[in-house]
């Protein structure tokens, strides 16, 4: 089995689950944060929506320079979901089209030409993107819980939804 074939079922499952959580973000709470040092809800949701694009960048490019990077400005849940769906599609296509050889090539994150980190492209997909989405999806579910929003099932029934649906 190829690396891409082994990654795609996990990618599909985790992205579908992340989308279920993103769908619950209330438009009127985008400026809310649980603490002064926490990301605002809208920024966190936008960050999650943006992260799948990192898989496509990691696979199709050998580096990314953060100089001048600005996060996408989303102000509604509909915009977050539109960005997320677009980024999932490009990430999935990049993963599906990558050879095993490509996954073992090195990718680097840079700022102003200085390398901050380098890793195999497979690690970009698994750690830098996929695990990162999972991490922030967990944060988002806590934000939603604090706001009284019902949490969907993630890896099993939630306290709000007793089924795996």
C-alpha atoms as a PDB file:
ATOM      1  CA  UNK A   1       0.000   0.000   0.000  1.00  0.00           C
ATOM      2  CA  UNK A   2       1.296   3.450  -0.859  1.00  0.00           C
ATOM      3  CA  UNK A   3       1.777   6.163   1.747  1.00  0.00           C
ATOM      4  CA  UNK A   4      -0.963   8.278   0.187  1.00  0.00           C
ATOM      5  CA  UNK A   5      -3.407   5.347   0.236  1.00  0.00           C
ATOM      6  CA  UNK A   6      -2.641   4.779   3.918  1.00  0.00           C
ATOM      7  CA  UNK A   7      -3.054   8.480   4.811  1.00  0.00           C
ATOM      8  CA  UNK A   8      -6.277   9.240   2.966  1.00  0.00           C
ATOM      9  CA  UNK A   9      -8.757   7.318   5.175  1.00  0.00           C
ATOM     10  CA  UNK A  10      -7.394   9.046   8.295  1.00  0.00           C
ATOM     11  CA  UNK A  11      -7.370  12.417   6.523  1.00  0.00           C
ATOM     12  CA  UNK A  12     -10.979  11.969   5.361  1.00  0.00           C
ATOM     13  CA  UNK A  13     -12.167  10.926   8.819  1.00  0.00           C
ATOM     14  CA  UNK A  14     -10.397  13.730  10.686  1.00  0.00           C
ATOM     15  CA  UNK A  15     -11.461  16.417   8.218  1.00  0.00           C
ATOM     16  CA  UNK A  16     -15.100  15.278   8.337  1.00  0.00           C
ATOM     17  CA  UNK A  17     -14.985  15.384  12.132  1.00  0.00           C
ATOM     18  CA  UNK A  18     -13.332  18.808  12.146  1.00  0.00           C
ATOM     19  CA  UNK A  19     -16.011  20.099   9.803  1.00  0.00           C
ATOM     20  CA  UNK A  20     -18.748  18.902  12.173  1.00  0.00           C
ATOM     21  CA  UNK A  21     -17.142  20.945  14.962  1.00  0.00           C
ATOM     22  CA  UNK A  22     -16.619  24.004  12.739  1.00  0.00           C
ATOM     23  CA  UNK A  23     -20.293  23.901  11.717  1.00  0.00           C
ATOM     24  CA  UNK A  24     -21.211  24.615  15.354  1.00  0.00           C
ATOM     25  CA  UNK A  25     -19.290  27.925  15.588  1.00  0.00           C
ATOM     26  CA  UNK A  26     -21.806  30.710  16.285  1.00  0.00           C
ATOM     27  CA  UNK A  27     -21.386  33.752  14.026  1.00  0.00           C
ATOM     28  CA  UNK A  28     -22.132  36.143  16.868  1.00  0.00           C
ATOM     29  CA  UNK A  29     -19.232  34.858  19.014  1.00  0.00           C
ATOM     30  CA  UNK A  30     -16.286  35.306  16.598  1.00  0.00           C
ATOM     31  CA  UNK A  31     -14.739  37.934  18.901  1.00  0.00           C
ATOM     32  CA  UNK A  32     -15.123  35.795  22.040  1.00  0.00           C
ATOM     33  CA  UNK A  33     -12.175  34.155  23.823  1.00  0.00           C
ATOM     34  CA  UNK A  34     -12.168  32.164  27.071  1.00  0.00           C
ATOM     35  CA  UNK A  35      -9.138  34.071  28.396  1.00  0.00           C
ATOM     36  CA  UNK A  36      -7.162  37.196  27.530  1.00  0.00           C
ATOM     37  CA  UNK A  37      -4.243  35.057  26.313  1.00  0.00           C
ATOM     38  CA  UNK A  38      -6.436  32.773  24.161  1.00  0.00           C
ATOM     39  CA  UNK A  39      -7.168  33.093  20.455  1.00  0.00           C
ATOM     40  CA  UNK A  40     -10.538  34.560  19.641  1.00  0.00           C
ATOM     41  CA  UNK A  41     -13.094  31.991  18.513  1.00  0.00           C
ATOM     42  CA  UNK A  42     -13.240  33.304  14.943  1.00  0.00           C
ATOM     43  CA  UNK A  43      -9.463  33.308  14.599  1.00  0.00           C
ATOM     44  CA  UNK A  44      -9.262  29.736  15.910  1.00  0.00           C
ATOM     45  CA  UNK A  45     -11.966  28.548  13.510  1.00  0.00           C
ATOM     46  CA  UNK A  46     -10.239  30.321  10.615  1.00  0.00           C
ATOM     47  CA  UNK A  47      -6.908  28.787  11.609  1.00  0.00           C
ATOM     48  CA  UNK A  48      -8.408  25.294  11.513  1.00  0.00           C
ATOM     49  CA  UNK A  49      -9.963  26.043   8.123  1.00  0.00           C
ATOM     50  CA  UNK A  50      -6.621  27.197   6.758  1.00  0.00           C
ATOM     51  CA  UNK A  51      -4.467  24.310   7.997  1.00  0.00           C
ATOM     52  CA  UNK A  52      -5.412  21.655   5.400  1.00  0.00           C
ATOM     53  CA  UNK A  53      -3.834  23.918   2.766  1.00  0.00           C
ATOM     54  CA  UNK A  54      -0.508  23.286   4.503  1.00  0.00           C
ATOM     55  CA  UNK A  55      -0.612  19.676   3.292  1.00  0.00           C
ATOM     56  CA  UNK A  56      -0.878  20.817  -0.317  1.00  0.00           C
ATOM     57  CA  UNK A  57       1.903  23.379   0.180  1.00  0.00           C
ATOM     58  CA  UNK A  58       4.059  20.821   1.962  1.00  0.00           C
ATOM     59  CA  UNK A  59       3.687  18.276  -0.805  1.00  0.00           C
ATOM     60  CA  UNK A  60       3.857  20.531  -3.861  1.00  0.00           C
ATOM     61  CA  UNK A  61       6.568  22.950  -2.670  1.00  0.00           C
ATOM     62  CA  UNK A  62       9.954  22.390  -1.055  1.00  0.00           C
ATOM     63  CA  UNK A  63       9.611  25.325   1.341  1.00  0.00           C
ATOM     64  CA  UNK A  64       7.323  28.066   2.569  1.00  0.00           C
ATOM     65  CA  UNK A  65       8.522  31.489   3.684  1.00  0.00           C
ATOM     66  CA  UNK A  66       6.292  33.121   6.282  1.00  0.00           C
ATOM     67  CA  UNK A  67       7.523  36.636   5.467  1.00  0.00           C
ATOM     68  CA  UNK A  68       4.427  38.714   4.877  1.00  0.00           C
ATOM     69  CA  UNK A  69       2.048  35.896   5.853  1.00  0.00           C
ATOM     70  CA  UNK A  70      -1.354  37.070   7.014  1.00  0.00           C
ATOM     71  CA  UNK A  71      -4.052  34.652   8.132  1.00  0.00           C
ATOM     72  CA  UNK A  72      -7.226  34.557   6.071  1.00  0.00           C
ATOM     73  CA  UNK A  73      -9.861  36.944   7.363  1.00  0.00           C
ATOM     74  CA  UNK A  74     -13.084  35.036   7.940  1.00  0.00           C
ATOM     75  CA  UNK A  75     -15.976  36.704   9.742  1.00  0.00           C
ATOM     76  CA  UNK A  76     -18.722  34.094   9.451  1.00  0.00           C
ATOM     77  CA  UNK A  77     -19.053  30.372   9.890  1.00  0.00           C
ATOM     78  CA  UNK A  78     -20.100  30.103   6.236  1.00  0.00           C
ATOM     79  CA  UNK A  79     -16.780  31.697   5.171  1.00  0.00           C
ATOM     80  CA  UNK A  80     -14.856  29.354   7.488  1.00  0.00           C
ATOM     81  CA  UNK A  81     -16.600  26.303   6.020  1.00  0.00           C
ATOM     82  CA  UNK A  82     -16.066  27.517   2.444  1.00  0.00           C
ATOM     83  CA  UNK A  83     -12.324  27.973   3.095  1.00  0.00           C
ATOM     84  CA  UNK A  84     -12.115  24.637   4.908  1.00  0.00           C
ATOM     85  CA  UNK A  85     -13.834  22.744   2.070  1.00  0.00           C
ATOM     86  CA  UNK A  86     -11.595  24.393  -0.548  1.00  0.00           C
ATOM     87  CA  UNK A  87      -8.461  23.588   1.456  1.00  0.00           C
ATOM     88  CA  UNK A  88      -9.559  20.006   2.101  1.00  0.00           C
ATOM     89  CA  UNK A  89     -10.055  19.468  -1.629  1.00  0.00           C
ATOM     90  CA  UNK A  90      -6.581  20.767  -2.507  1.00  0.00           C
ATOM     91  CA  UNK A  91      -4.956  18.828   0.334  1.00  0.00           C
ATOM     92  CA  UNK A  92      -6.709  15.605  -0.586  1.00  0.00           C
ATOM     93  CA  UNK A  93      -5.694  15.955  -4.241  1.00  0.00           C
ATOM     94  CA  UNK A  94      -2.075  16.620  -3.253  1.00  0.00           C
ATOM     95  CA  UNK A  95      -1.975  13.643  -0.885  1.00  0.00           C
ATOM     96  CA  UNK A  96      -3.621  11.324  -3.429  1.00  0.00           C
ATOM     97  CA  UNK A  97      -1.233  12.419  -6.165  1.00  0.00           C
ATOM     98  CA  UNK A  98       2.004  12.210  -4.200  1.00  0.00           C
ATOM     99  CA  UNK A  99       4.402   9.337  -4.722  1.00  0.00           C
ATOM    100  CA  UNK A 100       6.097   7.592  -1.814  1.00  0.00           C
ATOM    101  CA  UNK A 101       9.331   9.193  -3.006  1.00  0.00           C
ATOM    102  CA  UNK A 102       7.760  12.657  -2.696  1.00  0.00           C
ATOM    103  CA  UNK A 103       6.685  11.979   0.900  1.00  0.00           C
ATOM    104  CA  UNK A 104      10.320  11.349   1.881  1.00  0.00           C
ATOM    105  CA  UNK A 105      11.652  14.583   0.361  1.00  0.00           C
ATOM    106  CA  UNK A 106      12.501  17.413   2.748  1.00  0.00           C
ATOM    107  CA  UNK A 107      10.312  20.473   3.204  1.00  0.00           C
ATOM    108  CA  UNK A 108      11.352  23.608   5.117  1.00  0.00           C
ATOM    109  CA  UNK A 109       9.486  26.395   6.886  1.00  0.00           C
ATOM    110  CA  UNK A 110      11.293  29.713   6.599  1.00  0.00           C
ATOM    111  CA  UNK A 111      10.971  33.313   7.671  1.00  0.00           C
ATOM    112  CA  UNK A 112      12.786  35.949   5.641  1.00  0.00           C
ATOM    113  CA  UNK A 113      14.926  33.226   4.062  1.00  0.00           C
ATOM    114  CA  UNK A 114      16.020  31.740   7.401  1.00  0.00           C
ATOM    115  CA  UNK A 115      15.042  28.098   7.907  1.00  0.00           C
ATOM    116  CA  UNK A 116      12.970  27.623  11.051  1.00  0.00           C
ATOM    117  CA  UNK A 117      12.423  23.877  10.647  1.00  0.00           C
ATOM    118  CA  UNK A 118      12.807  21.114   8.101  1.00  0.00           C
ATOM    119  CA  UNK A 119      11.033  17.784   7.946  1.00  0.00           C
ATOM    120  CA  UNK A 120      10.038  15.060   5.499  1.00  0.00           C
ATOM    121  CA  UNK A 121       6.919  15.956   3.542  1.00  0.00           C
ATOM    122  CA  UNK A 122       5.119  13.024   5.156  1.00  0.00           C
ATOM    123  CA  UNK A 123       5.688  14.648   8.549  1.00  0.00           C
ATOM    124  CA  UNK A 124       4.297  17.917   7.180  1.00  0.00           C
ATOM    125  CA  UNK A 125       1.059  16.084   6.413  1.00  0.00           C
ATOM    126  CA  UNK A 126       0.865  13.988   9.589  1.00  0.00           C
ATOM    127  CA  UNK A 127       2.224  16.345  12.239  1.00  0.00           C
ATOM    128  CA  UNK A 128       2.339  19.890  10.928  1.00  0.00           C
ATOM    129  CA  UNK A 129      -1.156  19.651   9.400  1.00  0.00           C
ATOM    130  CA  UNK A 130      -3.204  16.656  10.561  1.00  0.00           C
ATOM    131  CA  UNK A 131      -2.173  16.512  14.224  1.00  0.00           C
ATOM    132  CA  UNK A 132      -2.285  20.295  14.340  1.00  0.00           C
ATOM    133  CA  UNK A 133      -5.911  20.312  13.103  1.00  0.00           C
ATOM    134  CA  UNK A 134      -6.788  17.692  15.724  1.00  0.00           C
ATOM    135  CA  UNK A 135      -5.125  19.771  18.463  1.00  0.00           C
ATOM    136  CA  UNK A 136      -6.992  22.954  17.567  1.00  0.00           C
ATOM    137  CA  UNK A 137     -10.247  21.048  17.009  1.00  0.00           C
ATOM    138  CA  UNK A 138      -9.940  19.989  20.652  1.00  0.00           C
ATOM    139  CA  UNK A 139      -9.444  23.613  21.684  1.00  0.00           C
ATOM    140  CA  UNK A 140     -12.445  24.640  19.620  1.00  0.00           C
ATOM    141  CA  UNK A 141     -14.635  21.988  21.226  1.00  0.00           C
ATOM    142  CA  UNK A 142     -13.720  23.383  24.672  1.00  0.00           C
ATOM    143  CA  UNK A 143     -14.584  26.920  23.530  1.00  0.00           C
ATOM    144  CA  UNK A 144     -17.930  25.668  22.257  1.00  0.00           C
ATOM    145  CA  UNK A 145     -18.604  23.749  25.482  1.00  0.00           C
ATOM    146  CA  UNK A 146     -17.974  26.916  27.534  1.00  0.00           C
ATOM    147  CA  UNK A 147     -20.401  28.798  25.279  1.00  0.00           C
ATOM    148  CA  UNK A 148     -23.076  26.145  25.784  1.00  0.00           C
ATOM    149  CA  UNK A 149     -22.927  24.896  22.195  1.00  0.00           C
ATOM    150  CA  UNK A 150     -23.657  21.195  21.763  1.00  0.00           C
ATOM    151  CA  UNK A 151     -20.538  19.209  20.867  1.00  0.00           C
ATOM    152  CA  UNK A 152     -20.781  16.562  18.118  1.00  0.00           C
ATOM    153  CA  UNK A 153     -19.361  13.104  18.555  1.00  0.00           C
ATOM    154  CA  UNK A 154     -15.657  13.119  17.787  1.00  0.00           C
ATOM    155  CA  UNK A 155     -14.079   9.766  18.711  1.00  0.00           C
ATOM    156  CA  UNK A 156     -17.208   8.455  20.344  1.00  0.00           C
ATOM    157  CA  UNK A 157     -20.452   9.789  21.730  1.00  0.00           C
ATOM    158  CA  UNK A 158     -20.250  13.269  23.235  1.00  0.00           C
ATOM    159  CA  UNK A 159     -22.082  14.418  26.331  1.00  0.00           C
ATOM    160  CA  UNK A 160     -24.528  16.108  23.964  1.00  0.00           C
ATOM    161  CA  UNK A 161     -24.915  13.463  21.298  1.00  0.00           C
ATOM    162  CA  UNK A 162     -25.165   9.873  22.392  1.00  0.00           C
ATOM    163  CA  UNK A 163     -24.450   8.420  18.977  1.00  0.00           C
ATOM    164  CA  UNK A 164     -21.393   8.190  16.762  1.00  0.00           C
ATOM    165  CA  UNK A 165     -23.268  10.021  13.935  1.00  0.00           C
END
